[in-house]
Amino acid sequence: MLLKYFYDKPLAQAAYMIGCQATGEAIIIDPARDVTPYLKAADEEGLRITQVTETHIHADFVSGSRELAFQTGATLYLSDMGTADWKYQFVDDNTVLLHDGDTWQLGNIKITAIHTPGHTPEHIVFQITDTAAADEPMGIFTGDLLFVGSLGRPDLLEEAAGVKGTKVPGARQQFHNIQRLKAMPDYLQIWPGHGAGSACGKGLGAIPSSTLGYEKRFNPSFHIPNEDEFVNWLLDEQPEPPFYFARMKYVNKIGPTLLKDLPVPVQLNRAELDEWLQSDALVIDSRPSEVFAEGHLRNAINIPATSNNFNTYVGWLVDFSKPVVLIAADWEADRLVCQLRAVGVDNIVGIASTDLANGPQVIPQITAHELVQCQNEATVIDVRWWSEYEEAHLRNAIHIPLGYVLRNLDSLPRDQPLIVHCQAGVRSVIAASILQKYGFEHVTNLVGGIEAWQKAGLPIERGAPETAKV
């Protein structure tokens, strides 16, 4: 048996390849939309990808299951559990629908599907037994059921997809999943679907795998014996799901568009770029924040290519009904297009070189000490997340997390200066570029964010925001 691990750092998403070296077959579990890494790995190992499966209908990225099955001819294995609203709608003659307890073979490897509703109604995990070496299972691919140090959140259907009344029942199902896991052998290896930074749970560990015995000892979800207390704990302080999650649930349910059918972005000249800037398109300038602030084109929004959260930031801001234009360096345009498609941004109509990105609009910069002198004459906007704000914030700062800026434009004054800050300066430039695009003329960025403020020894406050806007 061969096991390979694939990790998409921007999405904190894990996929796996199991190979039976005796028969030369491989299965890919929870593939992302860019299937190139799996095809390359299989070729290097002398394996044929004959099976593709996933643990559930994903919310945080476009699944690559349909794409990989199309490109390889592999059989799709998909959950048929859960409610009627969450059944896959792209099944065909090359699809096997799975139910609780179903087993099948990949050469000498036995795979057992176990229905584990809670994160989503259809969620399943895969128990693996290498029958050539043992008659008991080796481990479980847990998807979004169990993470290293954490548990899959049960509220995404309600919070992201708008299906009311599902998060508490989902939390109770997760409680019963934990009881089921407690009865399983400690030696089982745990291969989760996400790592640290994913919004599919809270407090995820950065270690790629674990054992069930270790999780039983140190994962807090195994140490809350009362069901009601467990539900309250699990639902408390979950990270806010990006707005694009709702779109992903829909796309992955009906079946993502195959890559061969997506529009090919055209290379834009300056005149064509100017036309798109005057339209309702989202024009993303991917240059570094400090470069963008020094001079950019009116109506462009800055999302730096160097950010590990590039596609997540886009997912907060994008309107899927409108076209997208990317301003990017030639050497990284393909990578950014791939990242955009990973979160379902398919209508990328054009790409412009960063040589065309310089323009007359600037984002003025202010230092922490300069802000002290004018703080009472301006509106200070903190665009960090809730936990960051609670830990330390400026007195009287209005708290609007970056993803919510577009939804709160009408609440901001247009007749006085706005000073935007985040933790270190990237998110605040993104927010400032949004404000400029929508007509706010007096927007300034705090250089270095609250980190620079604290390094300067200036006063902060702590506690939950009273002026947070959602």
Protein backbone atom coordinates (compact mmCIF):
# COMPACT_ATOMS: atom_id res chain seq x y z
CA MET A 1 0.00 0.00 0.00
CA LEU A 2 1.20 3.47 -0.91
CA LEU A 3 -0.07 6.68 0.72
CA LYS A 4 0.62 10.19 -0.58
CA TYR A 5 -0.44 13.51 0.96
CA PHE A 6 -1.29 16.68 -0.99
CA TYR A 7 -1.80 20.01 0.74
CA ASP A 8 -3.16 23.29 -0.60
CA LYS A 9 -1.79 25.87 1.83
CA PRO A 10 -4.04 28.83 0.84
CA LEU A 11 -7.14 26.70 1.46
CA ALA A 12 -5.59 24.59 4.25
CA GLN A 13 -7.02 21.61 2.36
CA ALA A 14 -5.68 18.06 2.25
CA ALA A 15 -6.15 15.39 -0.39
CA TYR A 16 -4.76 11.87 -0.46
CA MET A 17 -3.72 9.15 -2.87
CA ILE A 18 -3.82 5.50 -1.88
CA GLY A 19 -2.12 3.10 -4.24
CA CYS A 20 -2.15 -0.66 -4.42
CA GLN A 21 1.30 -1.40 -5.78
CA ALA A 22 0.41 -5.02 -6.44
CA THR A 23 -2.26 -4.10 -9.01
CA GLY A 24 -1.03 -0.66 -10.04
CA GLU A 25 -4.28 1.08 -9.08
CA ALA A 26 -4.85 4.30 -7.15
CA ILE A 27 -7.72 6.19 -5.56
CA ILE A 28 -7.74 9.93 -4.86
CA ILE A 29 -9.66 11.14 -1.81
CA ASP A 30 -11.01 14.72 -1.62
CA PRO A 31 -9.20 16.09 -4.70
CA ALA A 32 -9.04 19.81 -5.40
CA ARG A 33 -10.00 21.26 -8.78
CA ASP A 34 -6.43 21.44 -10.08
CA VAL A 35 -5.86 17.74 -10.66
CA THR A 36 -2.34 18.11 -12.05
CA PRO A 37 -0.57 17.07 -8.79
CA TYR A 38 -2.50 13.79 -8.62
CA LEU A 39 -1.87 12.91 -12.25
CA LYS A 40 1.83 13.66 -11.84
CA ALA A 41 2.16 11.66 -8.61
CA ALA A 42 0.38 8.65 -10.08
CA ASP A 43 2.61 8.73 -13.13
CA GLU A 44 5.75 8.95 -10.99
CA GLU A 45 4.62 5.95 -8.95
CA GLY A 46 3.57 3.91 -11.97
CA LEU A 47 -0.07 3.88 -10.90
CA ARG A 48 -3.37 4.30 -12.73
CA ILE A 49 -6.03 6.44 -11.07
CA THR A 50 -9.02 4.12 -11.28
CA GLN A 51 -11.15 5.51 -8.42
CA VAL A 52 -12.01 8.96 -7.09
CA THR A 53 -14.00 9.78 -3.97
CA GLU A 54 -14.76 12.54 -1.50
CA THR A 55 -16.03 12.69 2.04
CA HIS A 56 -18.79 15.25 1.47
CA ILE A 57 -20.09 18.18 -0.57
CA HIS A 58 -17.38 20.71 0.17
CA ALA A 59 -18.03 24.34 1.08
CA ASP A 60 -14.57 25.89 0.93
CA PHE A 61 -13.25 24.87 -2.49
CA VAL A 62 -14.39 23.51 -5.82
CA SER A 63 -14.11 19.73 -5.71
CA GLY A 64 -11.90 18.05 -8.29
CA SER A 65 -13.70 14.71 -8.16
CA ARG A 66 -15.73 15.24 -11.33
CA GLU A 67 -12.73 16.73 -13.16
CA LEU A 68 -10.40 13.89 -12.21
CA ALA A 69 -12.92 11.20 -13.12
CA PHE A 70 -13.41 12.89 -16.49
CA GLN A 71 -9.70 13.13 -17.22
CA THR A 72 -8.82 9.58 -16.14
CA GLY A 73 -12.02 7.58 -16.69
CA ALA A 74 -11.92 6.62 -13.01
CA THR A 75 -15.04 5.46 -11.20
CA LEU A 76 -16.59 8.04 -8.87
CA TYR A 77 -17.61 6.92 -5.38
CA LEU A 78 -20.01 9.46 -3.80
CA SER A 79 -22.16 9.54 -0.70
CA ASP A 80 -25.85 8.81 -1.11
CA MET A 81 -26.57 9.50 2.54
CA GLY A 82 -28.23 12.51 4.10
CA THR A 83 -31.29 14.49 3.10
CA ALA A 84 -32.78 14.90 -0.35
CA ASP A 85 -31.55 18.50 -0.52
CA TRP A 86 -27.94 17.38 -0.34
CA LYS A 87 -27.73 14.65 -2.95
CA TYR A 88 -25.17 14.85 -5.74
CA GLN A 89 -26.83 15.87 -8.99
CA PHE A 90 -24.13 14.88 -11.49
CA VAL A 91 -24.05 11.12 -10.98
CA ASP A 92 -23.81 9.00 -14.13
CA ASP A 93 -23.19 5.39 -15.11
CA ASN A 94 -19.62 5.71 -13.90
CA THR A 95 -20.70 6.60 -10.34
CA VAL A 96 -21.11 4.29 -7.36
CA LEU A 97 -23.39 5.69 -4.65
CA LEU A 98 -22.26 4.88 -1.13
CA HIS A 99 -24.22 4.05 2.01
CA ASP A 100 -23.21 3.44 5.60
CA GLY A 101 -21.15 0.26 5.85
CA ASP A 102 -20.54 -0.18 2.12
CA THR A 103 -17.18 -1.72 1.26
CA TRP A 104 -15.18 -2.05 -1.93
CA GLN A 105 -11.67 -2.95 -3.04
CA LEU A 106 -8.78 -1.07 -4.55
CA GLY A 107 -6.63 -4.05 -5.43
CA ASN A 108 -5.69 -5.53 -2.05
CA ILE A 109 -6.95 -2.51 -0.11
CA LYS A 110 -10.39 -2.65 1.49
CA ILE A 111 -12.27 0.63 1.84
CA THR A 112 -15.28 0.97 4.13
CA ALA A 113 -17.64 3.95 4.05
CA ILE A 114 -18.97 5.09 7.43
CA HIS A 115 -21.79 7.64 7.53
CA THR A 116 -20.86 10.45 9.94
CA PRO A 117 -23.45 13.23 9.60
CA GLY A 118 -22.90 16.42 11.54
CA HIS A 119 -20.57 18.62 9.55
CA THR A 120 -22.96 17.95 6.65
CA PRO A 121 -25.85 15.48 6.37
CA GLU A 122 -24.17 13.36 3.68
CA HIS A 123 -20.71 13.25 5.26
CA ILE A 124 -18.88 9.91 5.20
CA VAL A 125 -15.41 8.80 6.28
CA PHE A 126 -13.28 6.00 4.85
CA GLN A 127 -11.78 3.21 6.92
CA ILE A 128 -8.78 1.59 5.24
CA THR A 129 -7.57 -2.01 5.60
CA ASP A 130 -4.48 -3.26 3.79
CA THR A 131 -5.63 -6.88 3.42
CA ALA A 132 -2.25 -8.00 2.09
CA ALA A 133 -0.72 -7.26 5.47
CA ALA A 134 -3.55 -7.25 8.05
CA ASP A 135 -7.15 -8.18 8.70
CA GLU A 136 -7.89 -5.06 10.77
CA PRO A 137 -8.08 -1.44 9.65
CA MET A 138 -5.03 0.82 9.58
CA GLY A 139 -6.72 4.21 9.74
CA ILE A 140 -9.52 6.55 8.74
CA PHE A 141 -9.71 9.40 6.28
CA THR A 142 -11.88 11.65 8.43
CA GLY A 143 -12.63 14.49 6.01
CA ASP A 144 -14.32 17.26 7.99
CA LEU A 145 -15.47 15.01 10.83
CA LEU A 146 -12.28 15.00 12.90
CA PHE A 147 -9.23 17.22 12.62
CA VAL A 148 -5.98 17.19 14.55
CA GLY A 149 -6.96 18.83 17.83
CA SER A 150 -10.43 19.84 16.67
CA LEU A 151 -13.75 18.81 15.17
CA GLY A 152 -15.62 19.76 12.02
CA ARG A 153 -18.07 22.61 12.52
CA PRO A 154 -21.78 21.72 12.19
CA ASP A 155 -23.13 25.18 11.36
CA LEU A 156 -22.06 25.76 7.74
CA LEU A 157 -25.39 24.72 6.23
CA GLU A 158 -27.08 27.33 8.38
CA GLU A 159 -24.44 30.06 8.40
CA ALA A 160 -23.20 29.76 4.81
CA ALA A 161 -25.97 28.05 2.85
CA GLY A 162 -28.91 29.59 4.74
CA VAL A 163 -30.54 26.29 5.74
CA LYS A 164 -32.11 27.30 9.03
CA GLY A 165 -32.41 25.01 12.00
CA THR A 166 -29.53 22.70 11.07
CA LYS A 167 -26.61 23.71 13.28
CA VAL A 168 -27.86 22.38 16.62
CA PRO A 169 -28.94 19.00 15.19
CA GLY A 170 -25.59 18.86 13.39
CA ALA A 171 -23.74 19.53 16.65
CA ARG A 172 -25.67 16.72 18.34
CA GLN A 173 -24.72 14.39 15.48
CA GLN A 174 -21.09 15.35 15.97
CA PHE A 175 -21.44 14.43 19.66
CA HIS A 176 -22.65 10.97 18.68
CA ASN A 177 -19.85 10.66 16.11
CA ILE A 178 -17.38 11.25 18.93
CA GLN A 179 -18.96 8.49 20.99
CA ARG A 180 -18.62 6.19 18.00
CA LEU A 181 -14.96 7.11 17.59
CA LYS A 182 -14.31 6.50 21.28
CA ALA A 183 -15.19 2.84 20.75
CA MET A 184 -12.65 2.40 17.94
CA PRO A 185 -9.06 1.22 18.50
CA ASP A 186 -6.52 3.81 19.62
CA TYR A 187 -3.94 2.69 17.05
CA LEU A 188 -6.00 3.89 14.08
CA GLN A 189 -4.28 6.61 12.11
CA ILE A 190 -6.27 9.78 11.47
CA TRP A 191 -5.92 11.55 8.11
CA PRO A 192 -8.04 14.75 8.19
CA GLY A 193 -9.32 16.90 5.35
CA HIS A 194 -7.98 20.23 6.65
CA GLY A 195 -5.21 21.81 8.67
CA ALA A 196 -4.61 25.03 10.56
CA GLY A 197 -6.24 28.07 8.98
CA SER A 198 -9.31 26.34 7.59
CA ALA A 199 -12.71 27.89 8.32
CA CYS A 200 -14.25 24.41 8.48
CA GLY A 201 -13.52 24.24 12.19
CA LYS A 202 -11.92 26.12 15.07
CA GLY A 203 -8.46 25.63 16.48
CA LEU A 204 -7.23 23.13 13.91
CA GLY A 205 -3.72 21.78 14.42
CA ALA A 206 -0.96 22.24 11.86
CA ILE A 207 0.25 18.63 12.09
CA PRO A 208 -0.93 16.72 8.99
CA SER A 209 -2.01 13.50 10.72
CA SER A 210 -2.59 11.95 14.12
CA THR A 211 -3.76 8.79 15.79
CA LEU A 212 -7.16 8.22 17.30
CA GLY A 213 -5.54 7.45 20.65
CA TYR A 214 -3.75 10.79 20.66
CA GLU A 215 -6.95 12.62 19.78
CA LYS A 216 -8.83 10.82 22.53
CA ARG A 217 -6.29 12.12 25.03
CA PHE A 218 -5.74 15.68 23.80
CA ASN A 219 -8.58 16.73 21.50
CA PRO A 220 -11.12 18.67 23.65
CA SER A 221 -14.08 17.25 21.74
CA PHE A 222 -13.47 13.88 23.44
CA HIS A 223 -13.65 15.36 26.94
CA ILE A 224 -17.14 16.85 27.15
CA PRO A 225 -19.44 14.03 28.31
CA ASN A 226 -22.63 16.11 28.52
CA GLU A 227 -24.32 16.48 25.14
CA ASP A 228 -25.77 19.96 25.75
CA GLU A 229 -22.43 21.28 26.99
CA PHE A 230 -20.77 19.72 23.94
CA VAL A 231 -23.23 21.45 21.59
CA ASN A 232 -22.62 24.83 23.22
CA TRP A 233 -18.86 24.35 23.10
CA LEU A 234 -18.83 23.27 19.47
CA LEU A 235 -20.99 26.14 18.23
CA ASP A 236 -19.17 28.79 20.22
CA GLU A 237 -16.55 31.01 18.55
CA GLN A 238 -16.54 29.32 15.17
CA PRO A 239 -14.76 31.43 12.53
CA GLU A 240 -16.97 33.43 10.22
CA PRO A 241 -17.41 31.48 6.94
CA PRO A 242 -16.45 33.49 3.85
CA PHE A 243 -19.37 34.46 1.66
CA TYR A 244 -18.22 32.25 -1.21
CA PHE A 245 -18.91 29.11 0.87
CA ALA A 246 -22.60 29.21 -0.07
CA ARG A 247 -21.66 29.21 -3.75
CA MET A 248 -19.29 26.26 -3.27
CA LYS A 249 -21.99 24.10 -1.69
CA TYR A 250 -24.19 24.73 -4.71
CA VAL A 251 -21.44 24.19 -7.29
CA ASN A 252 -20.21 20.98 -5.73
CA LYS A 253 -23.72 19.61 -5.44
CA ILE A 254 -24.73 20.19 -9.06
CA GLY A 255 -21.28 19.41 -10.44
CA PRO A 256 -18.43 21.84 -11.17
CA THR A 257 -17.88 22.95 -14.74
CA LEU A 258 -15.10 20.94 -16.37
CA LEU A 259 -11.92 22.93 -16.89
CA LYS A 260 -12.04 22.38 -20.66
CA ASP A 261 -15.35 24.24 -20.78
CA LEU A 262 -14.21 27.36 -18.91
CA PRO A 263 -13.57 30.61 -20.78
CA VAL A 264 -9.93 31.34 -21.54
CA PRO A 265 -8.91 34.79 -20.25
CA VAL A 266 -7.59 37.07 -22.98
CA GLN A 267 -4.50 39.25 -22.65
CA LEU A 268 -5.63 42.87 -22.28
CA ASN A 269 -4.02 46.02 -23.56
CA ARG A 270 -4.35 49.32 -21.72
CA ALA A 271 -7.43 50.48 -23.63
CA GLU A 272 -9.23 47.20 -22.97
CA LEU A 273 -8.23 47.30 -19.31
CA ASP A 274 -9.61 50.83 -19.01
CA GLU A 275 -12.93 49.65 -20.45
CA TRP A 276 -13.22 46.92 -17.84
CA LEU A 277 -12.33 49.41 -15.10
CA GLN A 278 -15.34 51.47 -16.11
CA SER A 279 -17.65 48.43 -16.05
CA ASP A 280 -19.13 46.46 -13.17
CA ALA A 281 -16.30 43.91 -13.33
CA LEU A 282 -14.13 43.11 -10.33
CA VAL A 283 -10.63 44.22 -11.37
CA ILE A 284 -8.02 42.69 -9.06
CA ASP A 285 -4.60 44.33 -8.89
CA SER A 286 -2.35 41.65 -7.40
CA ARG A 287 0.74 43.79 -6.82
CA PRO A 288 2.15 44.14 -3.28
CA SER A 289 0.16 46.44 -1.00
CA GLU A 290 2.88 49.06 -0.68
CA VAL A 291 3.32 49.23 -4.47
CA PHE A 292 -0.42 49.50 -5.05
CA ALA A 293 -0.71 52.30 -2.49
CA GLU A 294 1.93 54.35 -4.30
CA GLY A 295 -0.11 54.49 -7.50
CA HIS A 296 -2.90 52.49 -9.08
CA LEU A 297 -5.76 52.68 -11.53
CA ARG A 298 -9.12 54.00 -10.35
CA ASN A 299 -11.66 51.25 -9.54
CA ALA A 300 -9.04 48.51 -9.13
CA ILE A 301 -9.07 46.52 -5.88
CA ASN A 302 -5.81 45.36 -4.37
CA ILE A 303 -5.45 41.72 -3.35
CA PRO A 304 -1.73 40.89 -3.21
CA ALA A 305 -0.55 37.78 -4.99
CA THR A 306 1.91 37.18 -2.16
CA SER A 307 -0.85 36.71 0.41
CA ASN A 308 -1.54 33.15 1.53
CA ASN A 309 -5.20 34.20 1.67
CA PHE A 310 -5.43 35.49 -1.91
CA ASN A 311 -8.35 33.34 -3.03
CA THR A 312 -10.11 33.58 0.34
CA TYR A 313 -10.05 37.38 0.18
CA VAL A 314 -11.44 37.21 -3.35
CA GLY A 315 -14.11 34.80 -2.10
CA TRP A 316 -15.28 37.36 0.45
CA LEU A 317 -15.61 40.10 -2.18
CA VAL A 318 -16.53 38.51 -5.50
CA ASP A 319 -19.97 38.72 -7.11
CA PHE A 320 -20.20 35.47 -9.09
CA SER A 321 -22.64 37.03 -11.55
CA LYS A 322 -20.05 39.57 -12.74
CA PRO A 323 -16.82 39.24 -14.72
CA VAL A 324 -13.37 39.32 -13.16
CA VAL A 325 -10.20 40.88 -14.55
CA LEU A 326 -6.78 40.07 -13.12
CA ILE A 327 -3.78 42.38 -13.13
CA ALA A 328 -0.79 40.15 -12.51
CA ALA A 329 2.87 39.66 -13.26
CA ASP A 330 3.33 37.42 -16.28
CA TRP A 331 5.18 34.78 -14.29
CA GLU A 332 2.41 34.29 -11.73
CA ALA A 333 -0.77 34.87 -13.73
CA ASP A 334 -1.39 31.15 -14.30
CA ARG A 335 -1.02 30.41 -10.59
CA LEU A 336 -3.48 33.12 -9.63
CA VAL A 337 -6.01 32.00 -12.24
CA CYS A 338 -5.74 28.50 -10.75
CA GLN A 339 -6.32 29.91 -7.26
CA LEU A 340 -9.36 31.86 -8.46
CA ARG A 341 -10.84 28.79 -10.10
CA ALA A 342 -10.21 26.83 -6.91
CA VAL A 343 -12.94 28.93 -5.25
CA GLY A 344 -15.28 28.94 -8.25
CA VAL A 345 -14.28 32.26 -9.82
CA ASP A 346 -14.66 30.98 -13.38
CA ASN A 347 -15.68 34.10 -15.31
CA ILE A 348 -12.15 35.49 -15.66
CA VAL A 349 -12.47 37.51 -18.83
CA GLY A 350 -9.01 39.03 -19.08
CA ILE A 351 -5.51 39.36 -17.68
CA ALA A 352 -3.43 42.54 -17.78
CA SER A 353 0.27 42.84 -17.08
CA THR A 354 1.38 44.74 -14.00
CA ASP A 355 3.23 47.04 -16.43
CA LEU A 356 -0.20 48.59 -17.07
CA ALA A 357 -1.18 48.92 -13.41
CA ASN A 358 0.37 52.24 -12.44
CA GLY A 359 -2.13 55.07 -12.16
CA PRO A 360 -2.81 58.42 -10.56
CA GLN A 361 -4.73 57.20 -7.54
CA VAL A 362 -2.81 56.72 -4.29
CA ILE A 363 -3.61 55.56 -0.77
CA PRO A 364 -2.00 58.03 1.64
CA GLN A 365 -0.09 56.48 4.53
CA ILE A 366 -0.06 57.62 8.14
CA THR A 367 2.18 56.51 10.99
CA ALA A 368 0.99 55.59 14.46
CA HIS A 369 2.34 58.79 15.99
CA GLU A 370 0.74 60.89 13.25
CA LEU A 371 -2.59 59.16 13.89
CA VAL A 372 -2.44 60.18 17.54
CA GLN A 373 -2.45 63.81 16.46
CA CYS A 374 -5.56 63.54 14.28
CA GLN A 375 -7.47 60.58 15.74
CA ASN A 376 -10.36 62.76 16.96
CA GLU A 377 -10.78 64.36 13.55
CA ALA A 378 -11.18 61.13 11.57
CA THR A 379 -13.14 57.89 11.59
CA VAL A 380 -10.84 54.96 12.34
CA ILE A 381 -11.92 51.63 10.85
CA ASP A 382 -10.52 48.33 12.14
CA VAL A 383 -10.92 45.61 9.48
CA ARG A 384 -9.53 42.67 11.47
CA TRP A 385 -11.57 39.71 12.68
CA TRP A 386 -13.51 39.65 15.94
CA SER A 387 -10.93 37.73 17.99
CA GLU A 388 -8.18 40.12 16.91
CA TYR A 389 -10.29 43.13 17.83
CA GLU A 390 -11.13 41.72 21.25
CA GLU A 391 -7.47 41.11 22.01
CA ALA A 392 -6.43 44.72 21.30
CA HIS A 393 -8.00 47.71 19.55
CA LEU A 394 -7.87 51.46 19.31
CA ARG A 395 -10.34 53.48 21.35
CA ASN A 396 -13.45 54.46 19.36
CA ALA A 397 -12.39 52.49 16.30
CA ILE A 398 -15.31 51.26 14.21
CA HIS A 399 -14.99 47.52 13.76
CA ILE A 400 -15.92 46.20 10.30
CA PRO A 401 -14.10 42.98 9.36
CA LEU A 402 -12.69 43.07 5.84
CA GLY A 403 -15.24 40.67 4.38
CA TYR A 404 -18.08 42.94 5.52
CA VAL A 405 -16.80 46.27 4.23
CA LEU A 406 -18.82 46.06 1.01
CA ARG A 407 -21.99 45.43 3.00
CA ASN A 408 -21.46 48.44 5.26
CA LEU A 409 -20.58 51.25 2.86
CA ASP A 410 -23.77 53.16 3.67
CA SER A 411 -22.88 53.25 7.36
CA LEU A 412 -19.64 55.16 6.81
CA PRO A 413 -19.36 58.95 6.61
CA ARG A 414 -18.31 60.44 3.29
CA ASP A 415 -17.71 63.94 4.62
CA GLN A 416 -14.76 63.20 6.90
CA PRO A 417 -11.39 61.39 6.66
CA LEU A 418 -11.34 57.61 7.04
CA ILE A 419 -8.25 55.91 8.45
CA VAL A 420 -8.15 52.16 7.93
CA HIS A 421 -6.01 49.65 9.78
CA CYS A 422 -5.59 45.93 10.26
CA GLN A 423 -2.92 43.86 12.02
CA ALA A 424 0.09 44.63 9.83
CA GLY A 425 -1.14 46.51 6.76
CA VAL A 426 -2.28 44.12 4.01
CA ARG A 427 -6.00 43.85 4.75
CA SER A 428 -6.28 47.59 5.39
CA VAL A 429 -4.97 48.40 1.91
CA ILE A 430 -7.49 45.96 0.45
CA ALA A 431 -10.24 47.70 2.43
CA ALA A 432 -8.96 51.16 1.42
CA SER A 433 -9.03 50.15 -2.24
CA ILE A 434 -12.65 49.01 -1.86
CA LEU A 435 -13.61 52.31 -0.26
CA GLN A 436 -11.90 54.27 -3.02
CA LYS A 437 -13.67 52.22 -5.69
CA TYR A 438 -17.01 53.15 -4.16
CA GLY A 439 -16.37 56.85 -4.01
CA PHE A 440 -14.76 57.53 -0.64
CA GLU A 441 -12.23 60.24 -1.45
CA HIS A 442 -10.39 60.73 1.86
CA VAL A 443 -9.06 57.29 2.79
CA THR A 444 -5.73 56.79 4.56
CA ASN A 445 -3.92 53.63 5.64
CA LEU A 446 -2.19 53.14 9.00
CA VAL A 447 1.31 51.92 8.15
CA GLY A 448 2.10 48.66 9.95
CA GLY A 449 -1.37 48.37 11.42
CA ILE A 450 -1.98 47.86 15.11
CA GLU A 451 1.35 46.08 15.37
CA ALA A 452 3.10 49.39 14.66
CA TRP A 453 0.75 51.15 17.08
CA GLN A 454 1.65 48.76 19.89
CA LYS A 455 5.37 48.86 19.10
CA ALA A 456 5.15 52.62 19.49
CA GLY A 457 3.87 52.07 23.03
CA LEU A 458 0.50 53.69 22.33
CA PRO A 459 -2.61 52.81 24.37
CA ILE A 460 -4.98 50.01 23.41
CA GLU A 461 -8.26 48.67 24.72
CA ARG A 462 -9.50 45.12 25.04
CA GLY A 463 -12.86 43.43 24.90
CA ALA A 464 -15.70 42.65 22.52
CA PRO A 465 -16.65 45.34 19.99
CA GLU A 466 -19.71 47.41 20.69
CA THR A 467 -19.76 48.94 17.22
CA ALA A 468 -19.12 45.82 15.15
CA LYS A 469 -21.02 45.74 11.90
CA VAL A 470 -22.09 42.58 10.09
